[in-house]
Amino acid sequence: MKRCLALVSAVLVLATYGFAQNATGTIDGKVADPSGAAIPGASVTIENVATNVKLTAPTNGEGRFYQRYLAPGTYTVTAEKAGFTKYVQSNVQLDIEQTITLAIPLQVGNVATSVEVTANSAQLSTESSTVATTVSQKAVLDLPLQGRNPYSLVTLVPGVNAGNGGSTPWISGGRNDYNDVTIDGTSVIVPENNVSHLQIGYQPIEDSVSEVSVVTNSLAPEYGRTGGAGTARGARTTLRLRVGNRKGHSAVLRHGRVCRVRGCRRGCGERPARAASESPALAQIRDGG
């Protein structure tokens, strides 16, 4: 019996840890009437614009709703209750590691009447102390990357020292050996090998990356492994891979590198003799989309 209880406890702990490590975000908020009183039992629907996936849940006795583990993207939030007009808020942009808190006012009236609001491009989180910077998919695809290494994008974040090419940077003064790097919530750090150097076991191609998020302050306990930059340890970098949606898309890209030394043939594979002080000029070719 004790073994069964221990096994169940271990499974629950691992499941909780797995959910905590997801590369997701949270949308929560409160639904209230014109006087500010909470409206319990209101139906709140959160819809992913790219995939049309909808999640619906009622508000609790305090008029609050809380939806975790949402894929980063653009959302439309709808709230309705009999005796009140419908409320629709569009363009709610959710990033990795972000918590967005909404204040939804419902006006007395016919539910067939709706009030539509467009969210601001930037939304502040009032219920999470996490400080995270997100590098968008446009930056991932448009910026030139040496070696097509998406990890080097973390150097765009304030407080990041590039270190060895950007894959293992120093963040907010913390040692790079204590950083954590995850892809879609799964750590890609190679287990300790007694050399005291952070090693990343997998590097995705930049075309497969949707966005990159870097948490630069002290990490919440749910992340584990590191103590956070604020505790003289590391930080957390999260890559989210691109997923399918209801719109078809394709891309054609060309990548290459050539040298600009007179007499150079076959790219940079063969070079003529040159003075010791002469350095070859390299040019990257990258176009398409």
C-alpha atoms as a PDB file:
ATOM      1  CA  MET A   1       0.000   0.000   0.000  1.00  0.00           C
ATOM      2  CA  LYS A   2       2.786   2.382   0.931  1.00  0.00           C
ATOM      3  CA  ARG A   3       4.519   1.648  -2.374  1.00  0.00           C
ATOM      4  CA  CYS A   4       1.335   2.451  -4.291  1.00  0.00           C
ATOM      5  CA  LEU A   5       0.940   5.755  -2.439  1.00  0.00           C
ATOM      6  CA  ALA A   6       4.580   6.625  -3.088  1.00  0.00           C
ATOM      7  CA  LEU A   7       4.155   5.829  -6.796  1.00  0.00           C
ATOM      8  CA  VAL A   8       1.002   7.945  -7.078  1.00  0.00           C
ATOM      9  CA  SER A   9       2.716  10.839  -5.281  1.00  0.00           C
ATOM     10  CA  ALA A  10       5.720  10.637  -7.621  1.00  0.00           C
ATOM     11  CA  VAL A  11       3.454  10.666 -10.687  1.00  0.00           C
ATOM     12  CA  LEU A  12       1.564  13.709  -9.402  1.00  0.00           C
ATOM     13  CA  VAL A  13       4.789  15.578  -8.655  1.00  0.00           C
ATOM     14  CA  LEU A  14       6.195  14.823 -12.099  1.00  0.00           C
ATOM     15  CA  ALA A  15       2.928  15.810 -13.773  1.00  0.00           C
ATOM     16  CA  THR A  16       2.892  19.108 -11.881  1.00  0.00           C
ATOM     17  CA  TYR A  17       6.523  19.746 -12.843  1.00  0.00           C
ATOM     18  CA  GLY A  18       5.698  18.997 -16.483  1.00  0.00           C
ATOM     19  CA  PHE A  19       2.844  21.495 -16.548  1.00  0.00           C
ATOM     20  CA  ALA A  20       5.016  24.126 -14.851  1.00  0.00           C
ATOM     21  CA  GLN A  21       7.647  23.800 -17.550  1.00  0.00           C
ATOM     22  CA  ASN A  22       5.271  24.370 -20.478  1.00  0.00           C
ATOM     23  CA  ALA A  23       6.131  27.242 -22.832  1.00  0.00           C
ATOM     24  CA  THR A  24       2.749  28.839 -22.300  1.00  0.00           C
ATOM     25  CA  GLY A  25       1.047  31.898 -20.877  1.00  0.00           C
ATOM     26  CA  THR A  26      -1.941  32.775 -18.689  1.00  0.00           C
ATOM     27  CA  ILE A  27      -5.012  34.970 -19.121  1.00  0.00           C
ATOM     28  CA  ASP A  28      -7.061  35.808 -16.039  1.00  0.00           C
ATOM     29  CA  GLY A  29      -9.299  38.600 -14.870  1.00  0.00           C
ATOM     30  CA  LYS A  30     -12.473  39.737 -13.160  1.00  0.00           C
ATOM     31  CA  VAL A  31     -15.963  40.343 -14.518  1.00  0.00           C
ATOM     32  CA  ALA A  32     -17.928  43.113 -12.762  1.00  0.00           C
ATOM     33  CA  ASP A  33     -21.096  45.182 -13.189  1.00  0.00           C
ATOM     34  CA  PRO A  34     -21.151  49.007 -13.555  1.00  0.00           C
ATOM     35  CA  SER A  35     -20.973  49.424  -9.751  1.00  0.00           C
ATOM     36  CA  GLY A  36     -17.864  47.239  -9.540  1.00  0.00           C
ATOM     37  CA  ALA A  37     -19.645  44.290  -7.924  1.00  0.00           C
ATOM     38  CA  ALA A  38     -18.478  40.853  -9.028  1.00  0.00           C
ATOM     39  CA  ILE A  39     -20.601  38.854 -11.457  1.00  0.00           C
ATOM     40  CA  PRO A  40     -20.407  35.132 -10.644  1.00  0.00           C
ATOM     41  CA  GLY A  41     -21.425  32.561 -13.223  1.00  0.00           C
ATOM     42  CA  ALA A  42     -20.578  34.719 -16.246  1.00  0.00           C
ATOM     43  CA  SER A  43     -19.417  32.692 -19.250  1.00  0.00           C
ATOM     44  CA  VAL A  44     -15.906  33.653 -20.405  1.00  0.00           C
ATOM     45  CA  THR A  45     -14.624  32.311 -23.729  1.00  0.00           C
ATOM     46  CA  ILE A  46     -10.976  32.619 -24.758  1.00  0.00           C
ATOM     47  CA  GLU A  47     -10.371  31.981 -28.466  1.00  0.00           C
ATOM     48  CA  ASN A  48      -7.035  31.565 -30.236  1.00  0.00           C
ATOM     49  CA  VAL A  49      -7.326  33.628 -33.425  1.00  0.00           C
ATOM     50  CA  ALA A  50      -4.805  31.521 -35.387  1.00  0.00           C
ATOM     51  CA  THR A  51      -6.276  28.096 -34.593  1.00  0.00           C
ATOM     52  CA  ASN A  52      -9.918  28.903 -33.658  1.00  0.00           C
ATOM     53  CA  VAL A  53      -9.487  26.825 -30.482  1.00  0.00           C
ATOM     54  CA  LYS A  54     -11.942  28.014 -27.815  1.00  0.00           C
ATOM     55  CA  LEU A  55     -11.874  27.510 -24.043  1.00  0.00           C
ATOM     56  CA  THR A  56     -14.984  28.428 -22.041  1.00  0.00           C
ATOM     57  CA  ALA A  57     -15.336  28.579 -18.267  1.00  0.00           C
ATOM     58  CA  PRO A  58     -17.663  30.341 -15.771  1.00  0.00           C
ATOM     59  CA  THR A  59     -16.464  32.965 -13.330  1.00  0.00           C
ATOM     60  CA  ASN A  60     -16.285  31.944  -9.684  1.00  0.00           C
ATOM     61  CA  GLY A  61     -18.094  33.492  -6.729  1.00  0.00           C
ATOM     62  CA  GLU A  62     -15.748  36.475  -6.830  1.00  0.00           C
ATOM     63  CA  GLY A  63     -16.318  37.034 -10.531  1.00  0.00           C
ATOM     64  CA  ARG A  64     -12.846  35.821 -11.437  1.00  0.00           C
ATOM     65  CA  PHE A  65     -11.655  33.528 -14.204  1.00  0.00           C
ATOM     66  CA  TYR A  66      -8.232  31.964 -14.624  1.00  0.00           C
ATOM     67  CA  GLN A  67      -6.978  30.115 -17.712  1.00  0.00           C
ATOM     68  CA  ARG A  68      -3.422  28.723 -17.692  1.00  0.00           C
ATOM     69  CA  TYR A  69      -1.364  26.807 -20.258  1.00  0.00           C
ATOM     70  CA  LEU A  70      -2.414  28.903 -23.250  1.00  0.00           C
ATOM     71  CA  ALA A  71      -0.233  28.763 -26.342  1.00  0.00           C
ATOM     72  CA  PRO A  72       1.364  32.145 -27.108  1.00  0.00           C
ATOM     73  CA  GLY A  73      -0.529  34.070 -29.760  1.00  0.00           C
ATOM     74  CA  THR A  74      -3.385  36.505 -30.332  1.00  0.00           C
ATOM     75  CA  TYR A  75      -6.647  35.884 -28.477  1.00  0.00           C
ATOM     76  CA  THR A  76     -10.219  37.176 -28.402  1.00  0.00           C
ATOM     77  CA  VAL A  77     -11.898  37.158 -24.967  1.00  0.00           C
ATOM     78  CA  THR A  78     -15.711  37.155 -24.754  1.00  0.00           C
ATOM     79  CA  ALA A  79     -17.793  37.492 -21.562  1.00  0.00           C
ATOM     80  CA  GLU A  80     -21.570  37.202 -21.330  1.00  0.00           C
ATOM     81  CA  LYS A  81     -24.295  36.772 -18.753  1.00  0.00           C
ATOM     82  CA  ALA A  82     -28.082  36.960 -18.941  1.00  0.00           C
ATOM     83  CA  GLY A  83     -29.264  40.509 -18.220  1.00  0.00           C
ATOM     84  CA  PHE A  84     -25.991  42.081 -19.407  1.00  0.00           C
ATOM     85  CA  THR A  85     -24.595  43.085 -22.795  1.00  0.00           C
ATOM     86  CA  LYS A  86     -21.940  40.851 -24.312  1.00  0.00           C
ATOM     87  CA  TYR A  87     -18.335  42.033 -23.948  1.00  0.00           C
ATOM     88  CA  VAL A  88     -15.759  41.198 -26.649  1.00  0.00           C
ATOM     89  CA  GLN A  89     -12.083  42.136 -26.314  1.00  0.00           C
ATOM     90  CA  SER A  90      -9.905  41.389 -29.335  1.00  0.00           C
ATOM     91  CA  ASN A  91      -6.176  41.569 -30.084  1.00  0.00           C
ATOM     92  CA  VAL A  92      -5.079  40.238 -26.700  1.00  0.00           C
ATOM     93  CA  GLN A  93      -1.435  39.370 -27.429  1.00  0.00           C
ATOM     94  CA  LEU A  94      -0.047  36.658 -25.160  1.00  0.00           C
ATOM     95  CA  ASP A  95       3.674  35.852 -25.043  1.00  0.00           C
ATOM     96  CA  ILE A  96       5.636  33.015 -23.449  1.00  0.00           C
ATOM     97  CA  GLU A  97       5.843  33.193 -19.638  1.00  0.00           C
ATOM     98  CA  GLN A  98       3.333  36.083 -19.601  1.00  0.00           C
ATOM     99  CA  THR A  99       0.268  36.558 -17.401  1.00  0.00           C
ATOM    100  CA  ILE A 100      -2.347  39.010 -18.681  1.00  0.00           C
ATOM    101  CA  THR A 101      -4.999  40.257 -16.255  1.00  0.00           C
ATOM    102  CA  LEU A 102      -8.181  41.722 -17.726  1.00  0.00           C
ATOM    103  CA  ALA A 103     -10.842  43.878 -16.045  1.00  0.00           C
ATOM    104  CA  ILE A 104     -14.116  43.160 -17.869  1.00  0.00           C
ATOM    105  CA  PRO A 105     -17.071  45.496 -17.192  1.00  0.00           C
ATOM    106  CA  LEU A 106     -20.532  44.235 -18.195  1.00  0.00           C
ATOM    107  CA  GLN A 107     -23.272  46.788 -18.793  1.00  0.00           C
ATOM    108  CA  VAL A 108     -26.900  46.115 -17.951  1.00  0.00           C
ATOM    109  CA  GLY A 109     -28.813  45.391 -21.147  1.00  0.00           C
ATOM    110  CA  ASN A 110     -29.753  42.837 -23.767  1.00  0.00           C
ATOM    111  CA  VAL A 111     -27.285  40.007 -24.252  1.00  0.00           C
ATOM    112  CA  ALA A 112     -27.822  40.372 -28.015  1.00  0.00           C
ATOM    113  CA  THR A 113     -26.023  43.731 -27.791  1.00  0.00           C
ATOM    114  CA  SER A 114     -22.251  43.552 -27.646  1.00  0.00           C
ATOM    115  CA  VAL A 115     -19.496  45.945 -26.614  1.00  0.00           C
ATOM    116  CA  GLU A 116     -16.283  45.399 -28.576  1.00  0.00           C
ATOM    117  CA  VAL A 117     -12.903  46.558 -27.292  1.00  0.00           C
ATOM    118  CA  THR A 118      -9.501  46.290 -28.959  1.00  0.00           C
ATOM    119  CA  ALA A 119      -6.678  45.653 -26.505  1.00  0.00           C
ATOM    120  CA  ASN A 120      -3.524  47.736 -26.481  1.00  0.00           C
ATOM    121  CA  SER A 121      -0.458  46.177 -28.111  1.00  0.00           C
ATOM    122  CA  ALA A 122       1.286  45.956 -24.710  1.00  0.00           C
ATOM    123  CA  GLN A 123      -0.451  44.564 -21.634  1.00  0.00           C
ATOM    124  CA  LEU A 124       0.999  44.711 -18.140  1.00  0.00           C
ATOM    125  CA  SER A 125       0.880  41.803 -15.731  1.00  0.00           C
ATOM    126  CA  THR A 126      -0.234  42.809 -12.243  1.00  0.00           C
ATOM    127  CA  GLU A 127      -0.275  39.320 -10.707  1.00  0.00           C
ATOM    128  CA  SER A 128       3.149  37.968 -11.650  1.00  0.00           C
ATOM    129  CA  SER A 129       6.605  39.233 -10.730  1.00  0.00           C
ATOM    130  CA  THR A 130       8.235  37.566 -13.736  1.00  0.00           C
ATOM    131  CA  VAL A 131      10.311  39.910 -15.908  1.00  0.00           C
ATOM    132  CA  ALA A 132      10.460  38.382 -19.375  1.00  0.00           C
ATOM    133  CA  THR A 133      11.419  39.771 -22.783  1.00  0.00           C
ATOM    134  CA  THR A 134      10.094  38.112 -25.927  1.00  0.00           C
ATOM    135  CA  VAL A 135      11.808  38.155 -29.311  1.00  0.00           C
ATOM    136  CA  SER A 136       9.054  37.926 -31.923  1.00  0.00           C
ATOM    137  CA  GLN A 137       8.867  35.572 -34.892  1.00  0.00           C
ATOM    138  CA  LYS A 138       9.467  38.495 -37.260  1.00  0.00           C
ATOM    139  CA  ALA A 139      12.821  39.185 -35.588  1.00  0.00           C
ATOM    140  CA  VAL A 140      13.663  35.466 -35.633  1.00  0.00           C
ATOM    141  CA  LEU A 141      13.130  35.266 -39.398  1.00  0.00           C
ATOM    142  CA  ASP A 142      14.398  38.698 -40.467  1.00  0.00           C
ATOM    143  CA  LEU A 143      17.587  39.148 -38.451  1.00  0.00           C
ATOM    144  CA  PRO A 144      20.810  37.591 -39.786  1.00  0.00           C
ATOM    145  CA  LEU A 145      22.122  34.894 -37.439  1.00  0.00           C
ATOM    146  CA  GLN A 146      25.670  33.576 -37.476  1.00  0.00           C
ATOM    147  CA  GLY A 147      25.444  29.842 -38.029  1.00  0.00           C
ATOM    148  CA  ARG A 148      21.636  30.103 -38.045  1.00  0.00           C
ATOM    149  CA  ASN A 149      21.740  29.772 -34.266  1.00  0.00           C
ATOM    150  CA  PRO A 150      18.434  31.007 -32.741  1.00  0.00           C
ATOM    151  CA  TYR A 151      19.945  30.998 -29.248  1.00  0.00           C
ATOM    152  CA  SER A 152      22.011  34.035 -30.212  1.00  0.00           C
ATOM    153  CA  LEU A 153      18.791  36.090 -30.248  1.00  0.00           C
ATOM    154  CA  VAL A 154      18.962  36.320 -26.455  1.00  0.00           C
ATOM    155  CA  THR A 155      21.672  38.959 -26.895  1.00  0.00           C
ATOM    156  CA  LEU A 156      18.885  41.362 -27.978  1.00  0.00           C
ATOM    157  CA  VAL A 157      17.549  41.328 -24.406  1.00  0.00           C
ATOM    158  CA  PRO A 158      18.770  44.008 -21.943  1.00  0.00           C
ATOM    159  CA  GLY A 159      21.077  42.631 -19.283  1.00  0.00           C
ATOM    160  CA  VAL A 160      22.434  39.791 -21.434  1.00  0.00           C
ATOM    161  CA  ASN A 161      26.172  39.395 -22.033  1.00  0.00           C
ATOM    162  CA  ALA A 162      26.779  37.372 -25.199  1.00  0.00           C
ATOM    163  CA  GLY A 163      29.485  35.126 -23.772  1.00  0.00           C
ATOM    164  CA  ASN A 164      30.380  32.288 -26.136  1.00  0.00           C
ATOM    165  CA  GLY A 165      28.400  33.188 -29.232  1.00  0.00           C
ATOM    166  CA  GLY A 166      25.131  33.757 -27.375  1.00  0.00           C
ATOM    167  CA  SER A 167      24.225  30.101 -26.759  1.00  0.00           C
ATOM    168  CA  THR A 168      25.408  30.233 -23.134  1.00  0.00           C
ATOM    169  CA  PRO A 169      25.227  33.915 -22.139  1.00  0.00           C
ATOM    170  CA  TRP A 170      25.537  35.604 -18.778  1.00  0.00           C
ATOM    171  CA  ILE A 171      22.153  37.048 -17.801  1.00  0.00           C
ATOM    172  CA  SER A 172      21.629  39.793 -15.212  1.00  0.00           C
ATOM    173  CA  GLY A 173      25.045  39.085 -13.728  1.00  0.00           C
ATOM    174  CA  GLY A 174      24.328  35.412 -13.079  1.00  0.00           C
ATOM    175  CA  ARG A 175      26.708  32.614 -14.101  1.00  0.00           C
ATOM    176  CA  ASN A 176      25.902  31.046 -17.430  1.00  0.00           C
ATOM    177  CA  ASP A 177      26.439  27.568 -15.973  1.00  0.00           C
ATOM    178  CA  TYR A 178      23.199  27.940 -14.002  1.00  0.00           C
ATOM    179  CA  ASN A 179      20.950  29.032 -16.874  1.00  0.00           C
ATOM    180  CA  ASP A 180      18.150  26.802 -18.076  1.00  0.00           C
ATOM    181  CA  VAL A 181      17.216  26.494 -21.756  1.00  0.00           C
ATOM    182  CA  THR A 182      13.951  24.876 -22.808  1.00  0.00           C
ATOM    183  CA  ILE A 183      12.179  24.151 -26.104  1.00  0.00           C
ATOM    184  CA  ASP A 184       8.396  23.986 -25.759  1.00  0.00           C
ATOM    185  CA  GLY A 185       8.874  23.483 -22.027  1.00  0.00           C
ATOM    186  CA  THR A 186      11.417  20.653 -22.236  1.00  0.00           C
ATOM    187  CA  SER A 187      14.936  21.347 -20.982  1.00  0.00           C
ATOM    188  CA  VAL A 188      17.680  20.752 -23.564  1.00  0.00           C
ATOM    189  CA  ILE A 189      20.551  21.146 -21.117  1.00  0.00           C
ATOM    190  CA  VAL A 190      22.930  18.175 -21.153  1.00  0.00           C
ATOM    191  CA  PRO A 191      23.120  16.553 -17.674  1.00  0.00           C
ATOM    192  CA  GLU A 192      26.092  17.514 -15.511  1.00  0.00           C
ATOM    193  CA  ASN A 193      29.321  16.052 -16.846  1.00  0.00           C
ATOM    194  CA  ASN A 194      31.722  17.349 -14.164  1.00  0.00           C
ATOM    195  CA  VAL A 195      33.245  19.992 -16.420  1.00  0.00           C
ATOM    196  CA  SER A 196      31.198  22.908 -15.003  1.00  0.00           C
ATOM    197  CA  HIS A 197      30.196  24.167 -18.445  1.00  0.00           C
ATOM    198  CA  LEU A 198      26.653  24.600 -19.690  1.00  0.00           C
ATOM    199  CA  GLN A 199      26.070  22.389 -22.724  1.00  0.00           C
ATOM    200  CA  ILE A 200      22.984  22.574 -24.942  1.00  0.00           C
ATOM    201  CA  GLY A 201      22.001  19.239 -26.424  1.00  0.00           C
ATOM    202  CA  TYR A 202      19.857  20.449 -29.326  1.00  0.00           C
ATOM    203  CA  GLN A 203      19.758  23.507 -31.591  1.00  0.00           C
ATOM    204  CA  PRO A 204      16.646  23.923 -33.773  1.00  0.00           C
ATOM    205  CA  ILE A 205      16.860  25.674 -37.128  1.00  0.00           C
ATOM    206  CA  GLU A 206      15.710  29.254 -37.012  1.00  0.00           C
ATOM    207  CA  ASP A 207      12.861  28.648 -39.491  1.00  0.00           C
ATOM    208  CA  SER A 208      11.167  26.324 -36.977  1.00  0.00           C
ATOM    209  CA  VAL A 209      11.227  28.852 -34.097  1.00  0.00           C
ATOM    210  CA  SER A 210       8.114  30.894 -33.371  1.00  0.00           C
ATOM    211  CA  GLU A 211       9.537  33.129 -30.635  1.00  0.00           C
ATOM    212  CA  VAL A 212      12.188  33.325 -27.942  1.00  0.00           C
ATOM    213  CA  SER A 213      11.538  34.393 -24.359  1.00  0.00           C
ATOM    214  CA  VAL A 214      14.129  35.248 -21.707  1.00  0.00           C
ATOM    215  CA  VAL A 215      13.271  35.558 -17.999  1.00  0.00           C
ATOM    216  CA  THR A 216      15.877  37.856 -16.460  1.00  0.00           C
ATOM    217  CA  ASN A 217      14.773  38.186 -12.830  1.00  0.00           C
ATOM    218  CA  SER A 218      14.486  35.725  -9.952  1.00  0.00           C
ATOM    219  CA  LEU A 219      12.565  32.665 -11.139  1.00  0.00           C
ATOM    220  CA  ALA A 220       9.408  31.403  -9.478  1.00  0.00           C
ATOM    221  CA  PRO A 221       9.751  28.085  -7.571  1.00  0.00           C
ATOM    222  CA  GLU A 222       7.807  26.254 -10.307  1.00  0.00           C
ATOM    223  CA  TYR A 223      10.741  26.437 -12.709  1.00  0.00           C
ATOM    224  CA  GLY A 224      13.196  24.432 -10.630  1.00  0.00           C
ATOM    225  CA  ARG A 225      16.871  23.713 -11.409  1.00  0.00           C
ATOM    226  CA  THR A 226      18.023  27.334 -11.092  1.00  0.00           C
ATOM    227  CA  GLY A 227      17.674  29.937  -8.387  1.00  0.00           C
ATOM    228  CA  GLY A 228      17.179  32.837 -10.788  1.00  0.00           C
ATOM    229  CA  ALA A 229      19.478  35.688 -11.738  1.00  0.00           C
ATOM    230  CA  GLY A 230      18.428  37.680  -8.696  1.00  0.00           C
ATOM    231  CA  THR A 231      19.833  34.985  -6.408  1.00  0.00           C
ATOM    232  CA  ALA A 232      23.269  34.970  -8.059  1.00  0.00           C
ATOM    233  CA  ARG A 233      22.309  32.005 -10.189  1.00  0.00           C
ATOM    234  CA  GLY A 234      21.004  31.660 -13.706  1.00  0.00           C
ATOM    235  CA  ALA A 235      18.003  32.654 -15.778  1.00  0.00           C
ATOM    236  CA  ARG A 236      15.670  30.888 -18.183  1.00  0.00           C
ATOM    237  CA  THR A 237      15.522  30.967 -21.986  1.00  0.00           C
ATOM    238  CA  THR A 238      12.511  29.424 -23.711  1.00  0.00           C
ATOM    239  CA  LEU A 239      12.121  28.704 -27.405  1.00  0.00           C
ATOM    240  CA  ARG A 240       8.695  27.943 -28.797  1.00  0.00           C
ATOM    241  CA  LEU A 241       8.527  26.060 -32.083  1.00  0.00           C
ATOM    242  CA  ARG A 242       6.096  26.980 -34.825  1.00  0.00           C
ATOM    243  CA  VAL A 243       2.822  25.062 -35.009  1.00  0.00           C
ATOM    244  CA  GLY A 244       0.146  24.692 -37.656  1.00  0.00           C
ATOM    245  CA  ASN A 245      -2.879  26.955 -37.895  1.00  0.00           C
ATOM    246  CA  ARG A 246      -5.946  27.373 -40.068  1.00  0.00           C
ATOM    247  CA  LYS A 247      -4.037  29.301 -42.740  1.00  0.00           C
ATOM    248  CA  GLY A 248      -1.697  27.575 -45.174  1.00  0.00           C
ATOM    249  CA  HIS A 249       1.817  28.958 -45.616  1.00  0.00           C
ATOM    250  CA  SER A 250       5.085  28.056 -47.286  1.00  0.00           C
ATOM    251  CA  ALA A 251       8.580  29.471 -47.601  1.00  0.00           C
ATOM    252  CA  VAL A 252      11.591  29.268 -49.920  1.00  0.00           C
ATOM    253  CA  LEU A 253      14.945  30.262 -48.446  1.00  0.00           C
ATOM    254  CA  ARG A 254      18.530  30.371 -49.657  1.00  0.00           C
ATOM    255  CA  HIS A 255      21.522  30.354 -47.327  1.00  0.00           C
ATOM    256  CA  GLY A 256      25.185  30.449 -48.221  1.00  0.00           C
ATOM    257  CA  ARG A 257      28.542  32.054 -47.504  1.00  0.00           C
ATOM    258  CA  VAL A 258      31.247  33.099 -49.937  1.00  0.00           C
ATOM    259  CA  CYS A 259      34.634  34.720 -49.503  1.00  0.00           C
ATOM    260  CA  ARG A 260      35.749  37.898 -51.270  1.00  0.00           C
ATOM    261  CA  VAL A 261      39.441  37.173 -51.883  1.00  0.00           C
ATOM    262  CA  ARG A 262      40.780  37.453 -55.431  1.00  0.00           C
ATOM    263  CA  GLY A 263      41.144  34.051 -57.003  1.00  0.00           C
ATOM    264  CA  CYS A 264      38.907  32.292 -54.466  1.00  0.00           C
ATOM    265  CA  ARG A 265      37.073  29.301 -55.925  1.00  0.00           C
ATOM    266  CA  ARG A 266      34.292  27.028 -54.695  1.00  0.00           C
ATOM    267  CA  GLY A 267      33.005  29.335 -52.002  1.00  0.00           C
ATOM    268  CA  CYS A 268      35.556  29.375 -49.203  1.00  0.00           C
ATOM    269  CA  GLY A 269      36.888  25.895 -49.798  1.00  0.00           C
ATOM    270  CA  GLU A 270      39.938  26.925 -51.862  1.00  0.00           C
ATOM    271  CA  ARG A 271      41.917  30.123 -51.384  1.00  0.00           C
ATOM    272  CA  PRO A 272      45.044  31.438 -53.078  1.00  0.00           C
ATOM    273  CA  ALA A 273      48.193  32.130 -51.090  1.00  0.00           C
ATOM    274  CA  ARG A 274      48.037  35.460 -49.272  1.00  0.00           C
ATOM    275  CA  ALA A 275      50.024  37.477 -46.800  1.00  0.00           C
ATOM    276  CA  ALA A 276      49.789  36.485 -43.152  1.00  0.00           C
ATOM    277  CA  SER A 277      48.196  39.841 -42.318  1.00  0.00           C
ATOM    278  CA  GLU A 278      45.499  39.470 -44.970  1.00  0.00           C
ATOM    279  CA  SER A 279      42.125  38.232 -43.766  1.00  0.00           C
ATOM    280  CA  PRO A 280      39.443  36.860 -46.110  1.00  0.00           C
ATOM    281  CA  ALA A 281      36.267  38.890 -46.332  1.00  0.00           C
ATOM    282  CA  LEU A 282      33.205  36.679 -45.831  1.00  0.00           C
ATOM    283  CA  ALA A 283      29.776  37.530 -47.175  1.00  0.00           C
ATOM    284  CA  GLN A 284      26.585  35.753 -46.186  1.00  0.00           C
ATOM    285  CA  ILE A 285      23.809  35.131 -48.690  1.00  0.00           C
ATOM    286  CA  ARG A 286      20.386  34.893 -47.109  1.00  0.00           C
ATOM    287  CA  ASP A 287      17.171  35.659 -48.906  1.00  0.00           C
ATOM    288  CA  GLY A 288      13.696  34.275 -49.370  1.00  0.00           C
ATOM    289  CA  GLY A 289      10.659  34.123 -47.098  1.00  0.00           C
END
